[in-house]
PDB file of N, CA and C in Angstrom:
ATOM      1  N   GLY A   1     -55.152  -6.186 -49.478  1.00  0.00           N
ATOM      2  CA  GLY A   1     -55.019  -6.703 -48.169  1.00  0.00           C
ATOM      3  C   GLY A   1     -54.407  -8.079 -48.145  1.00  0.00           C
ATOM      4  N   GLU A   2     -55.235  -9.097 -48.525  1.00  0.00           N
ATOM      5  CA  GLU A   2     -54.752 -10.474 -48.413  1.00  0.00           C
ATOM      6  C   GLU A   2     -53.667 -10.756 -49.437  1.00  0.00           C
ATOM      7  N   ASP A   3     -53.761 -10.161 -50.636  1.00  0.00           N
ATOM      8  CA  ASP A   3     -52.742 -10.376 -51.656  1.00  0.00           C
ATOM      9  C   ASP A   3     -51.392  -9.833 -51.208  1.00  0.00           C
ATOM     10  N   ASP A   4     -51.398  -8.670 -50.529  1.00  0.00           N
ATOM     11  CA  ASP A   4     -50.148  -8.093 -50.024  1.00  0.00           C
ATOM     12  C   ASP A   4     -49.520  -9.005 -48.977  1.00  0.00           C
ATOM     13  N   PHE A   5     -50.358  -9.584 -48.102  1.00  0.00           N
ATOM     14  CA  PHE A   5     -49.852 -10.476 -47.056  1.00  0.00           C
ATOM     15  C   PHE A   5     -49.208 -11.713 -47.676  1.00  0.00           C
ATOM     16  N   GLY A   6     -49.861 -12.302 -48.687  1.00  0.00           N
ATOM     17  CA  GLY A   6     -49.309 -13.469 -49.365  1.00  0.00           C
ATOM     18  C   GLY A   6     -48.031 -13.142 -50.096  1.00  0.00           C
ATOM     19  N   THR A   7     -47.964 -11.970 -50.721  1.00  0.00           N
ATOM     20  CA  THR A   7     -46.766 -11.546 -51.433  1.00  0.00           C
ATOM     21  C   THR A   7     -45.621 -11.330 -50.454  1.00  0.00           C
ATOM     22  N   ASN A   8     -45.915 -10.729 -49.306  1.00  0.00           N
ATOM     23  CA  ASN A   8     -44.869 -10.519 -48.296  1.00  0.00           C
ATOM     24  C   ASN A   8     -44.321 -11.844 -47.791  1.00  0.00           C
ATOM     25  N   LEU A   9     -45.196 -12.829 -47.590  1.00  0.00           N
ATOM     26  CA  LEU A   9     -44.732 -14.140 -47.139  1.00  0.00           C
ATOM     27  C   LEU A   9     -43.836 -14.785 -48.189  1.00  0.00           C
ATOM     28  N   GLU A  10     -44.231 -14.661 -49.465  1.00  0.00           N
ATOM     29  CA  GLU A  10     -43.417 -15.229 -50.543  1.00  0.00           C
ATOM     30  C   GLU A  10     -42.074 -14.521 -50.634  1.00  0.00           C
ATOM     31  N   ASP A  11     -42.095 -13.183 -50.498  1.00  0.00           N
ATOM     32  CA  ASP A  11     -40.838 -12.429 -50.529  1.00  0.00           C
ATOM     33  C   ASP A  11     -39.922 -12.845 -49.378  1.00  0.00           C
ATOM     34  N   ASN A  12     -40.516 -12.990 -48.201  1.00  0.00           N
ATOM     35  CA  ASN A  12     -39.714 -13.408 -47.042  1.00  0.00           C
ATOM     36  C   ASN A  12     -39.150 -14.807 -47.246  1.00  0.00           C
ATOM     37  N   ALA A  13     -39.947 -15.696 -47.787  1.00  0.00           N
ATOM     38  CA  ALA A  13     -39.486 -17.060 -48.039  1.00  0.00           C
ATOM     39  C   ALA A  13     -38.350 -17.065 -49.051  1.00  0.00           C
ATOM     40  N   GLU A  14     -38.466 -16.249 -50.106  1.00  0.00           N
ATOM     41  CA  GLU A  14     -37.390 -16.166 -51.104  1.00  0.00           C
ATOM     42  C   GLU A  14     -36.120 -15.597 -50.495  1.00  0.00           C
ATOM     43  N   ARG A  15     -36.274 -14.563 -49.660  1.00  0.00           N
ATOM     44  CA  ARG A  15     -35.097 -13.977 -49.007  1.00  0.00           C
ATOM     45  C   ARG A  15     -34.413 -14.989 -48.088  1.00  0.00           C
ATOM     46  N   LEU A  16     -35.216 -15.733 -47.339  1.00  0.00           N
ATOM     47  CA  LEU A  16     -34.649 -16.758 -46.460  1.00  0.00           C
ATOM     48  C   LEU A  16     -33.946 -17.844 -47.260  1.00  0.00           C
ATOM     49  N   GLU A  17     -34.538 -18.232 -48.370  1.00  0.00           N
ATOM     50  CA  GLU A  17     -33.920 -19.254 -49.207  1.00  0.00           C
ATOM     51  C   GLU A  17     -32.594 -18.771 -49.781  1.00  0.00           C
ATOM     52  N   ARG A  18     -32.544 -17.514 -50.245  1.00  0.00           N
ATOM     53  CA  ARG A  18     -31.283 -16.955 -50.765  1.00  0.00           C
ATOM     54  C   ARG A  18     -30.227 -16.869 -49.659  1.00  0.00           C
ATOM     55  N   ARG A  19     -30.661 -16.434 -48.491  1.00  0.00           N
ATOM     56  CA  ARG A  19     -29.727 -16.329 -47.367  1.00  0.00           C
ATOM     57  C   ARG A  19     -29.190 -17.706 -46.993  1.00  0.00           C
ATOM     58  N   ASN A  20     -30.058 -18.703 -46.954  1.00  0.00           N
ATOM     59  CA  ASN A  20     -29.614 -20.058 -46.620  1.00  0.00           C
ATOM     60  C   ASN A  20     -28.656 -20.603 -47.670  1.00  0.00           C
ATOM     61  N   ARG A  21     -28.911 -20.302 -48.936  1.00  0.00           N
ATOM     62  CA  ARG A  21     -27.976 -20.736 -49.983  1.00  0.00           C
ATOM     63  C   ARG A  21     -26.619 -20.074 -49.807  1.00  0.00           C
ATOM     64  N   ARG A  22     -26.618 -18.778 -49.498  1.00  0.00           N
ATOM     65  CA  ARG A  22     -25.338 -18.067 -49.276  1.00  0.00           C
ATOM     66  C   ARG A  22     -24.588 -18.659 -48.091  1.00  0.00           C
ATOM     67  N   ILE A  23     -25.313 -18.966 -47.030  1.00  0.00           N
ATOM     68  CA  ILE A  23     -24.678 -19.560 -45.847  1.00  0.00           C
ATOM     69  C   ILE A  23     -24.088 -20.920 -46.199  1.00  0.00           C
ATOM     70  N   CYS A  24     -24.818 -21.729 -46.951  1.00  0.00           N
ATOM     71  CA  CYS A  24     -24.314 -23.048 -47.350  1.00  0.00           C
ATOM     72  C   CYS A  24     -23.059 -22.923 -48.206  1.00  0.00           C
ATOM     73  N   VAL A  25     -23.063 -21.969 -49.126  1.00  0.00           N
ATOM     74  CA  VAL A  25     -21.879 -21.762 -49.967  1.00  0.00           C
ATOM     75  C   VAL A  25     -20.709 -21.305 -49.115  1.00  0.00           C
ATOM     76  N   LEU A  26     -20.942 -20.390 -48.195  1.00  0.00           N
ATOM     77  CA  LEU A  26     -19.874 -19.892 -47.325  1.00  0.00           C
ATOM     78  C   LEU A  26     -19.297 -21.010 -46.460  1.00  0.00           C
ATOM     79  N   VAL A  27     -20.164 -21.819 -45.874  1.00  0.00           N
ATOM     80  CA  VAL A  27     -19.697 -22.936 -45.043  1.00  0.00           C
ATOM     81  C   VAL A  27     -18.901 -23.926 -45.889  1.00  0.00           C
ATOM     82  N   THR A  28     -19.371 -24.204 -47.087  1.00  0.00           N
ATOM     83  CA  THR A  28     -18.653 -25.120 -47.976  1.00  0.00           C
ATOM     84  C   THR A  28     -17.275 -24.580 -48.319  1.00  0.00           C
ATOM     85  N   VAL A  29     -17.177 -23.298 -48.613  1.00  0.00           N
ATOM     86  CA  VAL A  29     -15.882 -22.688 -48.945  1.00  0.00           C
ATOM     87  C   VAL A  29     -14.942 -22.750 -47.744  1.00  0.00           C
ATOM     88  N   VAL A  30     -15.452 -22.451 -46.566  1.00  0.00           N
ATOM     89  CA  VAL A  30     -14.612 -22.501 -45.359  1.00  0.00           C
ATOM     90  C   VAL A  30     -14.114 -23.923 -45.123  1.00  0.00           C
ATOM     91  N   ILE A  31     -14.978 -24.908 -45.266  1.00  0.00           N
ATOM     92  CA  ILE A  31     -14.569 -26.303 -45.082  1.00  0.00           C
ATOM     93  C   ILE A  31     -13.506 -26.683 -46.100  1.00  0.00           C
ATOM     94  N   MET A  32     -13.673 -26.258 -47.345  1.00  0.00           N
ATOM     95  CA  MET A  32     -12.685 -26.572 -48.376  1.00  0.00           C
ATOM     96  C   MET A  32     -11.338 -25.923 -48.064  1.00  0.00           C
ATOM     97  N   ILE A  33     -11.349 -24.694 -47.583  1.00  0.00           N
ATOM     98  CA  ILE A  33     -10.098 -24.007 -47.239  1.00  0.00           C
ATOM     99  C   ILE A  33      -9.403 -24.739 -46.089  1.00  0.00           C
ATOM    100  N   VAL A  34     -10.157 -25.115 -45.068  1.00  0.00           N
ATOM    101  CA  VAL A  34      -9.572 -25.828 -43.929  1.00  0.00           C
ATOM    102  C   VAL A  34      -8.988 -27.164 -44.377  1.00  0.00           C
ATOM    103  N   MET A  35      -9.726 -27.895 -45.197  1.00  0.00           N
ATOM    104  CA  MET A  35      -9.227 -29.186 -45.681  1.00  0.00           C
ATOM    105  C   MET A  35      -7.967 -29.006 -46.513  1.00  0.00           C
ATOM    106  N   PHE A  36      -7.948 -28.013 -47.386  1.00  0.00           N
ATOM    107  CA  PHE A  36      -6.771 -27.754 -48.198  1.00  0.00           C
ATOM    108  C   PHE A  36      -5.572 -27.420 -47.317  1.00  0.00           C
ATOM    109  N   THR A  37      -5.790 -26.582 -46.319  1.00  0.00           N
ATOM    110  CA  THR A  37      -4.709 -26.197 -45.406  1.00  0.00           C
ATOM    111  C   THR A  37      -4.167 -27.418 -44.670  1.00  0.00           C
ATOM    112  N   LEU A  38      -5.049 -28.277 -44.196  1.00  0.00           N
ATOM    113  CA  LEU A  38      -4.600 -29.486 -43.493  1.00  0.00           C
ATOM    114  C   LEU A  38      -3.844 -30.427 -44.417  1.00  0.00           C
ATOM    115  N   ILE A  39      -4.305 -30.560 -45.644  1.00  0.00           N
ATOM    116  CA  ILE A  39      -3.617 -31.434 -46.596  1.00  0.00           C
ATOM    117  C   ILE A  39      -2.225 -30.897 -46.902  1.00  0.00           C
ATOM    118  N   VAL A  40      -2.129 -29.588 -47.133  1.00  0.00           N
ATOM    119  CA  VAL A  40      -0.820 -28.990 -47.426  1.00  0.00           C
ATOM    120  C   VAL A  40       0.105 -29.109 -46.223  1.00  0.00           C
ATOM    121  N   ALA A  41      -0.417 -28.831 -45.039  1.00  0.00           N
ATOM    122  CA  ALA A  41       0.419 -28.903 -43.834  1.00  0.00           C
ATOM    123  C   ALA A  41       0.911 -30.318 -43.570  1.00  0.00           C
ATOM    124  N   SER A  42       0.074 -31.304 -43.814  1.00  0.00           N
ATOM    125  CA  SER A  42       0.495 -32.681 -43.550  1.00  0.00           C
ATOM    126  C   SER A  42       1.435 -33.221 -44.610  1.00  0.00           C
ATOM    127  N   SER A  43       1.503 -32.573 -45.766  1.00  0.00           N
ATOM    128  CA  SER A  43       2.385 -33.060 -46.819  1.00  0.00           C
ATOM    129  C   SER A  43       3.782 -32.453 -46.747  1.00  0.00           C
ATOM    130  N   ARG A  44       3.981 -31.495 -45.867  1.00  0.00           N
ATOM    131  CA  ARG A  44       5.303 -30.891 -45.717  1.00  0.00           C
ATOM    132  C   ARG A  44       6.221 -31.850 -44.967  1.00  0.00           C
ATOM    133  N   PRO A  45       7.455 -32.021 -45.434  1.00  0.00           N
ATOM    134  CA  PRO A  45       8.369 -32.946 -44.758  1.00  0.00           C
ATOM    135  C   PRO A  45       8.640 -32.567 -43.306  1.00  0.00           C
ATOM    136  N   GLU A  46       8.707 -31.280 -43.016  1.00  0.00           N
ATOM    137  CA  GLU A  46       9.041 -30.873 -41.662  1.00  0.00           C
ATOM    138  C   GLU A  46       7.897 -31.098 -40.679  1.00  0.00           C
ATOM    139  N   SER A  47       6.696 -31.383 -41.160  1.00  0.00           N
ATOM    140  CA  SER A  47       5.588 -31.597 -40.249  1.00  0.00           C
ATOM    141  C   SER A  47       5.357 -33.074 -39.957  1.00  0.00           C
ATOM    142  N   ARG A  48       6.091 -33.941 -40.603  1.00  0.00           N
ATOM    143  CA  ARG A  48       5.943 -35.371 -40.357  1.00  0.00           C
ATOM    144  C   ARG A  48       6.836 -35.806 -39.204  1.00  0.00           C
ATOM    145  N   GLN A  49       6.418 -36.839 -38.530  1.00  0.00           N
ATOM    146  CA  GLN A  49       7.221 -37.355 -37.430  1.00  0.00           C
ATOM    147  C   GLN A  49       8.505 -37.957 -37.987  1.00  0.00           C
ATOM    148  N   THR A  50       9.607 -37.640 -37.328  1.00  0.00           N
ATOM    149  CA  THR A  50      10.890 -38.207 -37.732  1.00  0.00           C
ATOM    150  C   THR A  50      11.468 -38.980 -36.561  1.00  0.00           C
ATOM    151  N   THR A  51      12.023 -40.126 -36.867  1.00  0.00           N
ATOM    152  CA  THR A  51      12.637 -40.991 -35.858  1.00  0.00           C
ATOM    153  C   THR A  51      14.045 -41.334 -36.305  1.00  0.00           C
ATOM    154  N   VAL A  52      14.974 -41.211 -35.382  1.00  0.00           N
ATOM    155  CA  VAL A  52      16.369 -41.563 -35.660  1.00  0.00           C
ATOM    156  C   VAL A  52      16.837 -42.494 -34.555  1.00  0.00           C
ATOM    157  N   VAL A  53      17.432 -43.606 -34.952  1.00  0.00           N
ATOM    158  CA  VAL A  53      17.995 -44.571 -33.994  1.00  0.00           C
ATOM    159  C   VAL A  53      19.504 -44.574 -34.204  1.00  0.00           C
ATOM    160  N   THR A  54      20.240 -44.328 -33.125  1.00  0.00           N
ATOM    161  CA  THR A  54      21.706 -44.333 -33.191  1.00  0.00           C
ATOM    162  C   THR A  54      22.245 -45.329 -32.169  1.00  0.00           C
ATOM    163  N   ASP A  55      23.573 -45.404 -32.089  1.00  0.00           N
ATOM    164  CA  ASP A  55      24.205 -46.290 -31.105  1.00  0.00           C
ATOM    165  C   ASP A  55      23.958 -45.826 -29.670  1.00  0.00           C
ATOM    166  N   VAL A  56      23.703 -44.536 -29.499  1.00  0.00           N
ATOM    167  CA  VAL A  56      23.537 -43.995 -28.143  1.00  0.00           C
ATOM    168  C   VAL A  56      22.077 -43.835 -27.735  1.00  0.00           C
ATOM    169  N   GLY A  57      21.145 -44.044 -28.640  1.00  0.00           N
ATOM    170  CA  GLY A  57      19.735 -43.929 -28.277  1.00  0.00           C
ATOM    171  C   GLY A  57      18.859 -43.662 -29.491  1.00  0.00           C
ATOM    172  N   ALA A  58      17.595 -43.429 -29.221  1.00  0.00           N
ATOM    173  CA  ALA A  58      16.616 -43.144 -30.278  1.00  0.00           C
ATOM    174  C   ALA A  58      15.900 -41.845 -29.947  1.00  0.00           C
ATOM    175  N   VAL A  59      15.587 -41.075 -30.988  1.00  0.00           N
ATOM    176  CA  VAL A  59      14.867 -39.812 -30.823  1.00  0.00           C
ATOM    177  C   VAL A  59      13.762 -39.779 -31.859  1.00  0.00           C
ATOM    178  N   SER A  60      12.580 -39.379 -31.417  1.00  0.00           N
ATOM    179  CA  SER A  60      11.445 -39.261 -32.327  1.00  0.00           C
ATOM    180  C   SER A  60      10.666 -38.000 -31.980  1.00  0.00           C
ATOM    181  N   THR A  61      10.511 -37.103 -32.957  1.00  0.00           N
ATOM    182  CA  THR A  61       9.758 -35.861 -32.746  1.00  0.00           C
ATOM    183  C   THR A  61       8.908 -35.577 -33.979  1.00  0.00           C
ATOM    184  N   THR A  62       8.187 -34.477 -33.909  1.00  0.00           N
ATOM    185  CA  THR A  62       7.336 -34.079 -35.026  1.00  0.00           C
ATOM    186  C   THR A  62       8.055 -33.186 -36.033  1.00  0.00           C
ATOM    187  N   HIS A  63       9.307 -32.851 -35.780  1.00  0.00           N
ATOM    188  CA  HIS A  63      10.063 -31.993 -36.701  1.00  0.00           C
ATOM    189  C   HIS A  63      11.498 -32.496 -36.777  1.00  0.00           C
ATOM    190  N   TYR A  64      12.016 -32.561 -37.992  1.00  0.00           N
ATOM    191  CA  TYR A  64      13.345 -33.129 -38.188  1.00  0.00           C
ATOM    192  C   TYR A  64      14.441 -32.341 -37.479  1.00  0.00           C
ATOM    193  N   LEU A  65      14.290 -31.018 -37.352  1.00  0.00           N
ATOM    194  CA  LEU A  65      15.318 -30.234 -36.664  1.00  0.00           C
ATOM    195  C   LEU A  65      15.332 -30.540 -35.164  1.00  0.00           C
ATOM    196  N   ALA A  66      14.175 -30.765 -34.584  1.00  0.00           N
ATOM    197  CA  ALA A  66      14.123 -31.133 -33.167  1.00  0.00           C
ATOM    198  C   ALA A  66      14.724 -32.516 -32.959  1.00  0.00           C
ATOM    199  N   THR A  67      14.467 -33.421 -33.887  1.00  0.00           N
ATOM    200  CA  THR A  67      15.072 -34.758 -33.799  1.00  0.00           C
ATOM    201  C   THR A  67      16.581 -34.642 -33.892  1.00  0.00           C
ATOM    202  N   ARG A  68      17.060 -33.830 -34.819  1.00  0.00           N
ATOM    203  CA  ARG A  68      18.508 -33.632 -34.971  1.00  0.00           C
ATOM    204  C   ARG A  68      19.112 -33.071 -33.692  1.00  0.00           C
ATOM    205  N   ALA A  69      18.432 -32.118 -33.046  1.00  0.00           N
ATOM    206  CA  ALA A  69      18.947 -31.535 -31.799  1.00  0.00           C
ATOM    207  C   ALA A  69      19.067 -32.608 -30.717  1.00  0.00           C
ATOM    208  N   GLY A  70      18.053 -33.442 -30.591  1.00  0.00           N
ATOM    209  CA  GLY A  70      18.103 -34.517 -29.587  1.00  0.00           C
ATOM    210  C   GLY A  70      19.213 -35.505 -29.857  1.00  0.00           C
ATOM    211  N   VAL A  71      19.386 -35.878 -31.107  1.00  0.00           N
ATOM    212  CA  VAL A  71      20.455 -36.820 -31.477  1.00  0.00           C
ATOM    213  C   VAL A  71      21.818 -36.201 -31.185  1.00  0.00           C
ATOM    214  N   GLN A  72      22.006 -34.946 -31.511  1.00  0.00           N
ATOM    215  CA  GLN A  72      23.294 -34.289 -31.263  1.00  0.00           C
ATOM    216  C   GLN A  72      23.621 -34.259 -29.775  1.00  0.00           C
ATOM    217  N   ILE A  73      22.629 -34.008 -28.938  1.00  0.00           N
ATOM    218  CA  ILE A  73      22.863 -34.002 -27.491  1.00  0.00           C
ATOM    219  C   ILE A  73      23.274 -35.393 -27.016  1.00  0.00           C
ATOM    220  N   LEU A  74      22.578 -36.421 -27.486  1.00  0.00           N
ATOM    221  CA  LEU A  74      22.925 -37.789 -27.084  1.00  0.00           C
ATOM    222  C   LEU A  74      24.322 -38.165 -27.550  1.00  0.00           C
ATOM    223  N   GLU A  75      24.656 -37.811 -28.788  1.00  0.00           N
ATOM    224  CA  GLU A  75      25.980 -38.149 -29.324  1.00  0.00           C
ATOM    225  C   GLU A  75      27.095 -37.365 -28.646  1.00  0.00           C
ATOM    226  N   ALA A  76      26.767 -36.207 -28.067  1.00  0.00           N
ATOM    227  CA  ALA A  76      27.766 -35.407 -27.356  1.00  0.00           C
ATOM    228  C   ALA A  76      27.937 -35.871 -25.913  1.00  0.00           C
ATOM    229  N   GLY A  77      27.206 -36.924 -25.522  1.00  0.00           N
ATOM    230  CA  GLY A  77      27.361 -37.459 -24.170  1.00  0.00           C
ATOM    231  C   GLY A  77      26.237 -37.102 -23.228  1.00  0.00           C
ATOM    232  N   GLY A  78      25.237 -36.395 -23.686  1.00  0.00           N
ATOM    233  CA  GLY A  78      24.109 -36.039 -22.830  1.00  0.00           C
ATOM    234  C   GLY A  78      23.202 -37.225 -22.570  1.00  0.00           C
ATOM    235  N   ASN A  79      22.358 -37.085 -21.557  1.00  0.00           N
ATOM    236  CA  ASN A  79      21.418 -38.155 -21.240  1.00  0.00           C
ATOM    237  C   ASN A  79      20.038 -37.834 -21.844  1.00  0.00           C
ATOM    238  N   ALA A  80      19.061 -38.663 -21.538  1.00  0.00           N
ATOM    239  CA  ALA A  80      17.723 -38.496 -22.114  1.00  0.00           C
ATOM    240  C   ALA A  80      17.067 -37.183 -21.678  1.00  0.00           C
ATOM    241  N   ILE A  81      17.322 -36.756 -20.453  1.00  0.00           N
ATOM    242  CA  ILE A  81      16.748 -35.488 -19.966  1.00  0.00           C
ATOM    243  C   ILE A  81      17.350 -34.316 -20.734  1.00  0.00           C
ATOM    244  N   ASP A  82      18.655 -34.347 -20.957  1.00  0.00           N
ATOM    245  CA  ASP A  82      19.313 -33.294 -21.747  1.00  0.00           C
ATOM    246  C   ASP A  82      18.741 -33.242 -23.159  1.00  0.00           C
ATOM    247  N   ALA A  83      18.576 -34.424 -23.752  1.00  0.00           N
ATOM    248  CA  ALA A  83      18.038 -34.480 -25.111  1.00  0.00           C
ATOM    249  C   ALA A  83      16.596 -33.970 -25.145  1.00  0.00           C
ATOM    250  N   ALA A  84      15.805 -34.343 -24.137  1.00  0.00           N
ATOM    251  CA  ALA A  84      14.416 -33.888 -24.088  1.00  0.00           C
ATOM    252  C   ALA A  84      14.328 -32.370 -23.970  1.00  0.00           C
ATOM    253  N   ALA A  85      15.221 -31.779 -23.176  1.00  0.00           N
ATOM    254  CA  ALA A  85      15.226 -30.321 -23.036  1.00  0.00           C
ATOM    255  C   ALA A  85      15.589 -29.662 -24.369  1.00  0.00           C
ATOM    256  N   ALA A  86      16.608 -30.194 -25.032  1.00  0.00           N
ATOM    257  CA  ALA A  86      17.009 -29.635 -26.324  1.00  0.00           C
ATOM    258  C   ALA A  86      15.887 -29.766 -27.350  1.00  0.00           C
ATOM    259  N   ILE A  87      15.206 -30.903 -27.316  1.00  0.00           N
ATOM    260  CA  ILE A  87      14.090 -31.123 -28.243  1.00  0.00           C
ATOM    261  C   ILE A  87      12.984 -30.108 -27.990  1.00  0.00           C
ATOM    262  N   GLN A  88      12.634 -29.883 -26.728  1.00  0.00           N
ATOM    263  CA  GLN A  88      11.571 -28.927 -26.413  1.00  0.00           C
ATOM    264  C   GLN A  88      11.930 -27.518 -26.837  1.00  0.00           C
ATOM    265  N   PHE A  89      13.178 -27.127 -26.618  1.00  0.00           N
ATOM    266  CA  PHE A  89      13.602 -25.792 -27.065  1.00  0.00           C
ATOM    267  C   PHE A  89      13.545 -25.688 -28.583  1.00  0.00           C
ATOM    268  N   ALA A  90      13.974 -26.730 -29.274  1.00  0.00           N
ATOM    269  CA  ALA A  90      13.929 -26.719 -30.742  1.00  0.00           C
ATOM    270  C   ALA A  90      12.486 -26.665 -31.232  1.00  0.00           C
ATOM    271  N   LEU A  91      11.603 -27.454 -30.629  1.00  0.00           N
ATOM    272  CA  LEU A  91      10.192 -27.423 -31.033  1.00  0.00           C
ATOM    273  C   LEU A  91       9.561 -26.064 -30.738  1.00  0.00           C
ATOM    274  N   GLY A  92      10.001 -25.426 -29.671  1.00  0.00           N
ATOM    275  CA  GLY A  92       9.508 -24.083 -29.367  1.00  0.00           C
ATOM    276  C   GLY A  92       9.847 -23.078 -30.448  1.00  0.00           C
ATOM    277  N   VAL A  93      10.925 -23.333 -31.167  1.00  0.00           N
ATOM    278  CA  VAL A  93      11.335 -22.439 -32.268  1.00  0.00           C
ATOM    279  C   VAL A  93      10.661 -22.818 -33.574  1.00  0.00           C
ATOM    280  N   VAL A  94      10.685 -24.107 -33.915  1.00  0.00           N
ATOM    281  CA  VAL A  94      10.191 -24.514 -35.240  1.00  0.00           C
ATOM    282  C   VAL A  94       8.685 -24.756 -35.273  1.00  0.00           C
ATOM    283  N   GLN A  95       8.075 -25.017 -34.126  1.00  0.00           N
ATOM    284  CA  GLN A  95       6.616 -25.215 -34.053  1.00  0.00           C
ATOM    285  C   GLN A  95       6.069 -24.516 -32.814  1.00  0.00           C
ATOM    286  N   PRO A  96       6.181 -23.198 -32.730  1.00  0.00           N
ATOM    287  CA  PRO A  96       5.762 -22.488 -31.517  1.00  0.00           C
ATOM    288  C   PRO A  96       4.278 -22.643 -31.200  1.00  0.00           C
ATOM    289  N   GLN A  97       3.474 -22.877 -32.218  1.00  0.00           N
ATOM    290  CA  GLN A  97       2.033 -23.025 -31.998  1.00  0.00           C
ATOM    291  C   GLN A  97       1.689 -24.351 -31.333  1.00  0.00           C
ATOM    292  N   SER A  98       2.631 -25.278 -31.289  1.00  0.00           N
ATOM    293  CA  SER A  98       2.345 -26.631 -30.799  1.00  0.00           C
ATOM    294  C   SER A  98       2.988 -26.940 -29.453  1.00  0.00           C
ATOM    295  N   THR A  99       3.702 -26.008 -28.883  1.00  0.00           N
ATOM    296  CA  THR A  99       4.413 -26.308 -27.638  1.00  0.00           C
ATOM    297  C   THR A  99       3.946 -25.398 -26.525  1.00  0.00           C
ATOM    298  N   GLY A 100       4.235 -25.821 -25.316  1.00  0.00           N
ATOM    299  CA  GLY A 100       3.818 -25.047 -24.159  1.00  0.00           C
ATOM    300  C   GLY A 100       4.920 -24.201 -23.554  1.00  0.00           C
ATOM    301  N   ILE A 101       6.043 -24.128 -24.253  1.00  0.00           N
ATOM    302  CA  ILE A 101       7.164 -23.325 -23.705  1.00  0.00           C
ATOM    303  C   ILE A 101       7.040 -21.915 -24.205  1.00  0.00           C
TER     304      ILE A 101
END
């Protein structure tokens, strides 16, 4: 009677402890994967902010191809609105997850 009850409590406590350890390991692995992904993503050249200053203006974006598109529009005689539109379209292609277009 009483011995079975005590054994069941100990078994339940051991099961809970094992489950909690598994959860802690899983959470740790997920955190490590997320951190690794963020470190790799931030170390890519195309994910860093790029700024170009020319005689006709300055362009700064989060992707070098979008910056290049804005600079080309300005150098071709476009204004800031034209360059901004070109930049948004370029960002929509190279970083679709980050834009609202």
